[in-house]
């Protein structure tokens, strides 16, 4: 078990100890959820794991023009279906 006492700064920031970061797998840029459990009278910090993004393989690289054309077509479809 990894335990450390940490100090709260004047901006109410704390540093997550290295042993906890290593065990949990927290890296720079990760997001954590901080919540207070009234029943247990504890503060919980949980790593928010990013959801896997769905990817499609097209079999070719897209050019900027391809992307802009697709955005334009999608916008046109959206506007047409909304009755505008």
PDB file of N, CA and C in Angstrom:
ATOM      1  N   UNK A   1       0.854  -1.189   0.000  1.00  0.00           N
ATOM      2  CA  UNK A   1       0.000   0.000   0.000  1.00  0.00           C
ATOM      3  C   UNK A   1       0.890   1.240   0.000  1.00  0.00           C
ATOM      4  N   UNK A   2       0.503   2.210  -0.774  1.00  0.00           N
ATOM      5  CA  UNK A   2       1.273   3.445  -0.875  1.00  0.00           C
ATOM      6  C   UNK A   2       0.521   4.554  -0.150  1.00  0.00           C
ATOM      7  N   UNK A   3       1.161   5.177   0.810  1.00  0.00           N
ATOM      8  CA  UNK A   3       0.551   6.284   1.551  1.00  0.00           C
ATOM      9  C   UNK A   3       1.561   7.409   1.689  1.00  0.00           C
ATOM     10  N   UNK A   4       1.072   8.629   1.589  1.00  0.00           N
ATOM     11  CA  UNK A   4       1.917   9.796   1.793  1.00  0.00           C
ATOM     12  C   UNK A   4       1.061  10.917   2.349  1.00  0.00           C
ATOM     13  N   UNK A   5       1.701  11.781   3.099  1.00  0.00           N
ATOM     14  CA  UNK A   5       1.042  13.000   3.555  1.00  0.00           C
ATOM     15  C   UNK A   5       1.464  14.090   2.583  1.00  0.00           C
ATOM     16  N   UNK A   6       0.487  14.818   2.045  1.00  0.00           N
ATOM     17  CA  UNK A   6       0.797  15.896   1.109  1.00  0.00           C
ATOM     18  C   UNK A   6       0.254  17.197   1.662  1.00  0.00           C
ATOM     19  N   UNK A   7       0.859  18.289   1.253  1.00  0.00           N
ATOM     20  CA  UNK A   7       0.468  19.610   1.726  1.00  0.00           C
ATOM     21  C   UNK A   7      -0.426  20.296   0.692  1.00  0.00           C
ATOM     22  N   UNK A   8      -1.434  20.993   1.156  1.00  0.00           N
ATOM     23  CA  UNK A   8      -2.309  21.771   0.286  1.00  0.00           C
ATOM     24  C   UNK A   8      -1.682  23.152   0.110  1.00  0.00           C
ATOM     25  N   UNK A   9      -1.517  23.582  -1.149  1.00  0.00           N
ATOM     26  CA  UNK A   9      -0.917  24.891  -1.403  1.00  0.00           C
ATOM     27  C   UNK A   9      -1.952  25.997  -1.198  1.00  0.00           C
ATOM     28  N   UNK A  10      -1.508  27.246  -1.273  1.00  0.00           N
ATOM     29  CA  UNK A  10      -2.439  28.356  -1.084  1.00  0.00           C
ATOM     30  C   UNK A  10      -3.476  28.441  -2.201  1.00  0.00           C
ATOM     31  N   UNK A  11      -3.205  27.758  -3.333  1.00  0.00           N
ATOM     32  CA  UNK A  11      -4.185  27.684  -4.422  1.00  0.00           C
ATOM     33  C   UNK A  11      -5.006  26.387  -4.312  1.00  0.00           C
ATOM     34  N   UNK A  12      -4.947  25.735  -3.180  1.00  0.00           N
ATOM     35  CA  UNK A  12      -5.677  24.501  -2.885  1.00  0.00           C
ATOM     36  C   UNK A  12      -5.290  23.363  -3.828  1.00  0.00           C
ATOM     37  N   UNK A  13      -4.017  23.305  -4.201  1.00  0.00           N
ATOM     38  CA  UNK A  13      -3.517  22.232  -5.053  1.00  0.00           C
ATOM     39  C   UNK A  13      -2.753  21.226  -4.196  1.00  0.00           C
ATOM     40  N   UNK A  14      -2.788  19.969  -4.630  1.00  0.00           N
ATOM     41  CA  UNK A  14      -2.002  18.922  -3.974  1.00  0.00           C
ATOM     42  C   UNK A  14      -1.255  18.148  -5.051  1.00  0.00           C
ATOM     43  N   UNK A  15      -0.158  17.539  -4.673  1.00  0.00           N
ATOM     44  CA  UNK A  15       0.605  16.704  -5.583  1.00  0.00           C
ATOM     45  C   UNK A  15       0.286  15.258  -5.283  1.00  0.00           C
ATOM     46  N   UNK A  16      -0.068  14.507  -6.326  1.00  0.00           N
ATOM     47  CA  UNK A  16      -0.321  13.079  -6.147  1.00  0.00           C
ATOM     48  C   UNK A  16       1.043  12.400  -6.055  1.00  0.00           C
ATOM     49  N   UNK A  17       1.290  11.687  -4.964  1.00  0.00           N
ATOM     50  CA  UNK A  17       2.612  11.066  -4.776  1.00  0.00           C
ATOM     51  C   UNK A  17       2.996  10.130  -5.923  1.00  0.00           C
ATOM     52  N   UNK A  18       4.289  10.049  -6.188  1.00  0.00           N
ATOM     53  CA  UNK A  18       4.823   9.270  -7.302  1.00  0.00           C
ATOM     54  C   UNK A  18       4.413   7.806  -7.219  1.00  0.00           C
ATOM     55  N   UNK A  19       4.427   7.224  -6.025  1.00  0.00           N
ATOM     56  CA  UNK A  19       4.075   5.802  -5.914  1.00  0.00           C
ATOM     57  C   UNK A  19       2.609   5.572  -6.309  1.00  0.00           C
ATOM     58  N   UNK A  20       1.725   6.510  -6.006  1.00  0.00           N
ATOM     59  CA  UNK A  20       0.314   6.389  -6.390  1.00  0.00           C
ATOM     60  C   UNK A  20       0.178   6.569  -7.897  1.00  0.00           C
ATOM     61  N   UNK A  21       0.868   7.572  -8.455  1.00  0.00           N
ATOM     62  CA  UNK A  21       0.812   7.799  -9.910  1.00  0.00           C
ATOM     63  C   UNK A  21       1.276   6.566 -10.668  1.00  0.00           C
ATOM     64  N   UNK A  22       2.326   5.930 -10.172  1.00  0.00           N
ATOM     65  CA  UNK A  22       2.879   4.754 -10.842  1.00  0.00           C
ATOM     66  C   UNK A  22       1.894   3.586 -10.789  1.00  0.00           C
ATOM     67  N   UNK A  23       1.335   3.316  -9.614  1.00  0.00           N
ATOM     68  CA  UNK A  23       0.410   2.194  -9.456  1.00  0.00           C
ATOM     69  C   UNK A  23      -0.859   2.399 -10.281  1.00  0.00           C
ATOM     70  N   UNK A  24      -1.402   3.619 -10.271  1.00  0.00           N
ATOM     71  CA  UNK A  24      -2.650   3.910 -10.970  1.00  0.00           C
ATOM     72  C   UNK A  24      -2.415   4.141 -12.464  1.00  0.00           C
ATOM     73  N   UNK A  25      -1.228   4.596 -12.820  1.00  0.00           N
ATOM     74  CA  UNK A  25      -0.916   4.869 -14.220  1.00  0.00           C
ATOM     75  C   UNK A  25      -1.264   6.279 -14.648  1.00  0.00           C
ATOM     76  N   UNK A  26      -1.207   7.222 -13.719  1.00  0.00           N
ATOM     77  CA  UNK A  26      -1.517   8.617 -14.029  1.00  0.00           C
ATOM     78  C   UNK A  26      -0.333   9.253 -14.743  1.00  0.00           C
ATOM     79  N   UNK A  27      -0.644   9.908 -15.870  1.00  0.00           N
ATOM     80  CA  UNK A  27       0.395  10.592 -16.640  1.00  0.00           C
ATOM     81  C   UNK A  27       0.033  12.068 -16.800  1.00  0.00           C
ATOM     82  N   UNK A  28       0.996  12.873 -17.211  1.00  0.00           N
ATOM     83  CA  UNK A  28       0.768  14.294 -17.454  1.00  0.00           C
ATOM     84  C   UNK A  28      -0.357  14.448 -18.464  1.00  0.00           C
ATOM     85  N   UNK A  29      -1.312  15.318 -18.168  1.00  0.00           N
ATOM     86  CA  UNK A  29      -2.427  15.570 -19.063  1.00  0.00           C
ATOM     87  C   UNK A  29      -3.652  14.716 -18.781  1.00  0.00           C
ATOM     88  N   UNK A  30      -3.508  13.674 -17.954  1.00  0.00           N
ATOM     89  CA  UNK A  30      -4.666  12.854 -17.600  1.00  0.00           C
ATOM     90  C   UNK A  30      -5.652  13.667 -16.779  1.00  0.00           C
ATOM     91  N   UNK A  31      -6.896  13.230 -16.788  1.00  0.00           N
ATOM     92  CA  UNK A  31      -7.933  13.885 -15.991  1.00  0.00           C
ATOM     93  C   UNK A  31      -8.313  12.962 -14.846  1.00  0.00           C
ATOM     94  N   UNK A  32      -8.550  13.550 -13.676  1.00  0.00           N
ATOM     95  CA  UNK A  32      -8.979  12.782 -12.513  1.00  0.00           C
ATOM     96  C   UNK A  32     -10.278  13.371 -11.980  1.00  0.00           C
ATOM     97  N   UNK A  33     -11.084  12.516 -11.389  1.00  0.00           N
ATOM     98  CA  UNK A  33     -12.328  12.933 -10.758  1.00  0.00           C
ATOM     99  C   UNK A  33     -12.073  12.992  -9.257  1.00  0.00           C
ATOM    100  N   UNK A  34     -12.390  14.128  -8.639  1.00  0.00           N
ATOM    101  CA  UNK A  34     -12.225  14.293  -7.195  1.00  0.00           C
ATOM    102  C   UNK A  34     -13.616  14.415  -6.600  1.00  0.00           C
ATOM    103  N   UNK A  35     -13.932  13.536  -5.655  1.00  0.00           N
ATOM    104  CA  UNK A  35     -15.250  13.576  -5.035  1.00  0.00           C
ATOM    105  C   UNK A  35     -15.132  13.357  -3.533  1.00  0.00           C
ATOM    106  N   UNK A  36     -16.102  13.889  -2.807  1.00  0.00           N
ATOM    107  CA  UNK A  36     -16.141  13.724  -1.359  1.00  0.00           C
ATOM    108  C   UNK A  36     -17.246  12.738  -1.018  1.00  0.00           C
ATOM    109  N   UNK A  37     -16.894  11.681  -0.307  1.00  0.00           N
ATOM    110  CA  UNK A  37     -17.852  10.677   0.143  1.00  0.00           C
ATOM    111  C   UNK A  37     -18.223  11.008   1.585  1.00  0.00           C
ATOM    112  N   UNK A  38     -19.418  11.603   1.755  1.00  0.00           N
ATOM    113  CA  UNK A  38     -19.850  12.028   3.095  1.00  0.00           C
ATOM    114  C   UNK A  38     -19.984  10.855   4.049  1.00  0.00           C
ATOM    115  N   UNK A  39     -20.511   9.744   3.548  1.00  0.00           N
ATOM    116  CA  UNK A  39     -20.742   8.584   4.397  1.00  0.00           C
ATOM    117  C   UNK A  39     -19.436   8.049   4.996  1.00  0.00           C
ATOM    118  N   UNK A  40     -18.394   7.967   4.165  1.00  0.00           N
ATOM    119  CA  UNK A  40     -17.097   7.464   4.625  1.00  0.00           C
ATOM    120  C   UNK A  40     -16.192   8.583   5.125  1.00  0.00           C
ATOM    121  N   UNK A  41     -16.584   9.852   4.888  1.00  0.00           N
ATOM    122  CA  UNK A  41     -15.794  11.020   5.267  1.00  0.00           C
ATOM    123  C   UNK A  41     -14.383  10.963   4.674  1.00  0.00           C
ATOM    124  N   UNK A  42     -14.352  10.664   3.365  1.00  0.00           N
ATOM    125  CA  UNK A  42     -13.069  10.601   2.660  1.00  0.00           C
ATOM    126  C   UNK A  42     -13.176  11.331   1.322  1.00  0.00           C
ATOM    127  N   UNK A  43     -12.049  11.798   0.853  1.00  0.00           N
ATOM    128  CA  UNK A  43     -11.944  12.384  -0.484  1.00  0.00           C
ATOM    129  C   UNK A  43     -11.402  11.288  -1.388  1.00  0.00           C
ATOM    130  N   UNK A  44     -12.087  11.061  -2.515  1.00  0.00           N
ATOM    131  CA  UNK A  44     -11.665  10.037  -3.464  1.00  0.00           C
ATOM    132  C   UNK A  44     -11.169  10.705  -4.733  1.00  0.00           C
ATOM    133  N   UNK A  45     -10.086  10.193  -5.265  1.00  0.00           N
ATOM    134  CA  UNK A  45      -9.528  10.686  -6.528  1.00  0.00           C
ATOM    135  C   UNK A  45      -9.471   9.489  -7.464  1.00  0.00           C
ATOM    136  N   UNK A  46     -10.155   9.607  -8.612  1.00  0.00           N
ATOM    137  CA  UNK A  46     -10.181   8.507  -9.578  1.00  0.00           C
ATOM    138  C   UNK A  46      -9.685   8.987 -10.924  1.00  0.00           C
ATOM    139  N   UNK A  47      -8.888   8.153 -11.554  1.00  0.00           N
ATOM    140  CA  UNK A  47      -8.405   8.446 -12.904  1.00  0.00           C
ATOM    141  C   UNK A  47      -9.545   8.243 -13.885  1.00  0.00           C
ATOM    142  N   UNK A  48      -9.806   9.245 -14.712  1.00  0.00           N
ATOM    143  CA  UNK A  48     -10.804   9.126 -15.769  1.00  0.00           C
ATOM    144  C   UNK A  48     -10.087   8.590 -16.995  1.00  0.00           C
ATOM    145  N   UNK A  49     -10.374   7.381 -17.326  1.00  0.00           N
ATOM    146  CA  UNK A  49      -9.726   6.749 -18.485  1.00  0.00           C
ATOM    147  C   UNK A  49     -10.466   7.188 -19.749  1.00  0.00           C
ATOM    148  N   UNK A  50      -9.723   7.666 -20.747  1.00  0.00           N
ATOM    149  CA  UNK A  50     -10.379   8.101 -21.980  1.00  0.00           C
ATOM    150  C   UNK A  50     -11.037   6.917 -22.679  1.00  0.00           C
ATOM    151  N   UNK A  51     -12.204   7.180 -23.261  1.00  0.00           N
ATOM    152  CA  UNK A  51     -12.901   6.136 -24.011  1.00  0.00           C
ATOM    153  C   UNK A  51     -12.167   5.912 -25.317  1.00  0.00           C
ATOM    154  N   UNK A  52     -12.165   4.675 -25.745  1.00  0.00           N
ATOM    155  CA  UNK A  52     -11.538   4.362 -27.033  1.00  0.00           C
ATOM    156  C   UNK A  52     -12.376   4.978 -28.136  1.00  0.00           C
ATOM    157  N   UNK A  53     -11.726   5.700 -29.019  1.00  0.00           N
ATOM    158  CA  UNK A  53     -12.425   6.321 -30.145  1.00  0.00           C
ATOM    159  C   UNK A  53     -12.555   5.317 -31.271  1.00  0.00           C
ATOM    160  N   UNK A  54     -13.698   5.342 -31.887  1.00  0.00           N
ATOM    161  CA  UNK A  54     -13.943   4.461 -33.009  1.00  0.00           C
ATOM    162  C   UNK A  54     -13.243   5.014 -34.239  1.00  0.00           C
ATOM    163  N   UNK A  55     -12.544   4.148 -34.946  1.00  0.00           N
ATOM    164  CA  UNK A  55     -11.825   4.589 -36.137  1.00  0.00           C
ATOM    165  C   UNK A  55     -12.249   3.774 -37.333  1.00  0.00           C
ATOM    166  N   UNK A  56     -12.238   4.425 -38.474  1.00  0.00           N
ATOM    167  CA  UNK A  56     -12.581   3.766 -39.718  1.00  0.00           C
ATOM    168  C   UNK A  56     -11.373   3.828 -40.642  1.00  0.00           C
ATOM    169  N   UNK A  57     -11.082   2.729 -41.298  1.00  0.00           N
ATOM    170  CA  UNK A  57      -9.973   2.713 -42.232  1.00  0.00           C
ATOM    171  C   UNK A  57     -10.537   2.871 -43.642  1.00  0.00           C
ATOM    172  N   UNK A  58     -10.054   3.866 -44.342  1.00  0.00           N
ATOM    173  CA  UNK A  58     -10.568   4.167 -45.664  1.00  0.00           C
ATOM    174  C   UNK A  58      -9.754   3.519 -46.778  1.00  0.00           C
ATOM    175  N   UNK A  59      -8.580   3.059 -46.467  1.00  0.00           N
ATOM    176  CA  UNK A  59      -7.734   2.462 -47.487  1.00  0.00           C
ATOM    177  C   UNK A  59      -6.894   3.478 -48.238  1.00  0.00           C
ATOM    178  N   UNK A  60      -7.057   4.755 -47.895  1.00  0.00           N
ATOM    179  CA  UNK A  60      -6.253   5.800 -48.535  1.00  0.00           C
ATOM    180  C   UNK A  60      -6.141   6.985 -47.597  1.00  0.00           C
ATOM    181  N   UNK A  61      -5.160   7.803 -47.867  1.00  0.00           N
ATOM    182  CA  UNK A  61      -4.993   9.022 -47.075  1.00  0.00           C
ATOM    183  C   UNK A  61      -5.950  10.079 -47.587  1.00  0.00           C
ATOM    184  N   UNK A  62      -6.433  10.916 -46.667  1.00  0.00           N
ATOM    185  CA  UNK A  62      -7.339  11.994 -47.046  1.00  0.00           C
ATOM    186  C   UNK A  62      -6.561  13.291 -47.223  1.00  0.00           C
ATOM    187  N   UNK A  63      -6.924  14.030 -48.232  1.00  0.00           N
ATOM    188  CA  UNK A  63      -6.322  15.348 -48.440  1.00  0.00           C
ATOM    189  C   UNK A  63      -7.167  16.375 -47.690  1.00  0.00           C
ATOM    190  N   UNK A  64      -6.650  17.575 -47.556  1.00  0.00           N
ATOM    191  CA  UNK A  64      -7.401  18.659 -46.930  1.00  0.00           C
ATOM    192  C   UNK A  64      -8.683  18.906 -47.721  1.00  0.00           C
ATOM    193  N   UNK A  65      -8.594  18.825 -49.033  1.00  0.00           N
ATOM    194  CA  UNK A  65      -9.761  19.035 -49.878  1.00  0.00           C
ATOM    195  C   UNK A  65     -10.830  17.969 -49.620  1.00  0.00           C
ATOM    196  N   UNK A  66     -10.405  16.700 -49.437  1.00  0.00           N
ATOM    197  CA  UNK A  66     -11.349  15.620 -49.133  1.00  0.00           C
ATOM    198  C   UNK A  66     -12.100  15.907 -47.837  1.00  0.00           C
ATOM    199  N   UNK A  67     -11.376  16.345 -46.823  1.00  0.00           N
ATOM    200  CA  UNK A  67     -11.976  16.628 -45.521  1.00  0.00           C
ATOM    201  C   UNK A  67     -12.939  17.806 -45.638  1.00  0.00           C
ATOM    202  N   UNK A  68     -12.511  18.872 -46.307  1.00  0.00           N
ATOM    203  CA  UNK A  68     -13.381  20.042 -46.470  1.00  0.00           C
ATOM    204  C   UNK A  68     -14.643  19.697 -47.257  1.00  0.00           C
ATOM    205  N   UNK A  69     -14.516  18.874 -48.290  1.00  0.00           N
ATOM    206  CA  UNK A  69     -15.669  18.456 -49.078  1.00  0.00           C
ATOM    207  C   UNK A  69     -16.640  17.649 -48.208  1.00  0.00           C
ATOM    208  N   UNK A  70     -16.122  16.731 -47.403  1.00  0.00           N
ATOM    209  CA  UNK A  70     -16.962  15.907 -46.527  1.00  0.00           C
ATOM    210  C   UNK A  70     -17.677  16.766 -45.483  1.00  0.00           C
ATOM    211  N   UNK A  71     -16.980  17.752 -44.945  1.00  0.00           N
ATOM    212  CA  UNK A  71     -17.605  18.658 -43.975  1.00  0.00           C
ATOM    213  C   UNK A  71     -18.724  19.437 -44.640  1.00  0.00           C
ATOM    214  N   UNK A  72     -18.476  19.937 -45.840  1.00  0.00           N
ATOM    215  CA  UNK A  72     -19.495  20.685 -46.577  1.00  0.00           C
ATOM    216  C   UNK A  72     -20.719  19.833 -46.872  1.00  0.00           C
ATOM    217  N   UNK A  73     -20.500  18.580 -47.282  1.00  0.00           N
ATOM    218  CA  UNK A  73     -21.619  17.679 -47.574  1.00  0.00           C
ATOM    219  C   UNK A  73     -22.408  17.380 -46.299  1.00  0.00           C
ATOM    220  N   UNK A  74     -21.695  17.151 -45.204  1.00  0.00           N
ATOM    221  CA  UNK A  74     -22.373  16.879 -43.932  1.00  0.00           C
ATOM    222  C   UNK A  74     -23.181  18.073 -43.464  1.00  0.00           C
ATOM    223  N   UNK A  75     -22.638  19.256 -43.605  1.00  0.00           N
ATOM    224  CA  UNK A  75     -23.346  20.476 -43.223  1.00  0.00           C
ATOM    225  C   UNK A  75     -24.591  20.655 -44.080  1.00  0.00           C
ATOM    226  N   UNK A  76     -24.461  20.410 -45.384  1.00  0.00           N
ATOM    227  CA  UNK A  76     -25.608  20.535 -46.282  1.00  0.00           C
ATOM    228  C   UNK A  76     -26.699  19.543 -45.895  1.00  0.00           C
ATOM    229  N   UNK A  77     -26.315  18.293 -45.610  1.00  0.00           N
ATOM    230  CA  UNK A  77     -27.298  17.285 -45.184  1.00  0.00           C
ATOM    231  C   UNK A  77     -27.980  17.689 -43.891  1.00  0.00           C
ATOM    232  N   UNK A  78     -27.209  18.209 -42.971  1.00  0.00           N
ATOM    233  CA  UNK A  78     -27.757  18.647 -41.668  1.00  0.00           C
ATOM    234  C   UNK A  78     -28.761  19.760 -41.867  1.00  0.00           C
ATOM    235  N   UNK A  79     -28.417  20.755 -42.677  1.00  0.00           N
ATOM    236  CA  UNK A  79     -29.309  21.885 -42.921  1.00  0.00           C
ATOM    237  C   UNK A  79     -30.562  21.460 -43.686  1.00  0.00           C
ATOM    238  N   UNK A  80     -30.391  20.543 -44.671  1.00  0.00           N
ATOM    239  CA  UNK A  80     -31.534  20.047 -45.440  1.00  0.00           C
ATOM    240  C   UNK A  80     -32.510  19.284 -44.545  1.00  0.00           C
ATOM    241  N   UNK A  81     -31.994  18.483 -43.632  1.00  0.00           N
ATOM    242  CA  UNK A  81     -32.873  17.679 -42.765  1.00  0.00           C
ATOM    243  C   UNK A  81     -33.540  18.510 -41.691  1.00  0.00           C
ATOM    244  N   UNK A  82     -32.974  19.692 -41.367  1.00  0.00           N
ATOM    245  CA  UNK A  82     -33.590  20.540 -40.343  1.00  0.00           C
ATOM    246  C   UNK A  82     -34.624  21.487 -40.943  1.00  0.00           C
ATOM    247  N   UNK A  83     -34.804  21.427 -42.252  1.00  0.00           N
ATOM    248  CA  UNK A  83     -35.818  22.253 -42.904  1.00  0.00           C
ATOM    249  C   UNK A  83     -35.376  23.673 -43.178  1.00  0.00           C
ATOM    250  N   UNK A  84     -34.102  23.937 -43.176  1.00  0.00           N
ATOM    251  CA  UNK A  84     -33.603  25.303 -43.443  1.00  0.00           C
ATOM    252  C   UNK A  84     -33.292  25.481 -44.892  1.00  0.00           C
TER     253      UNK A  84
END
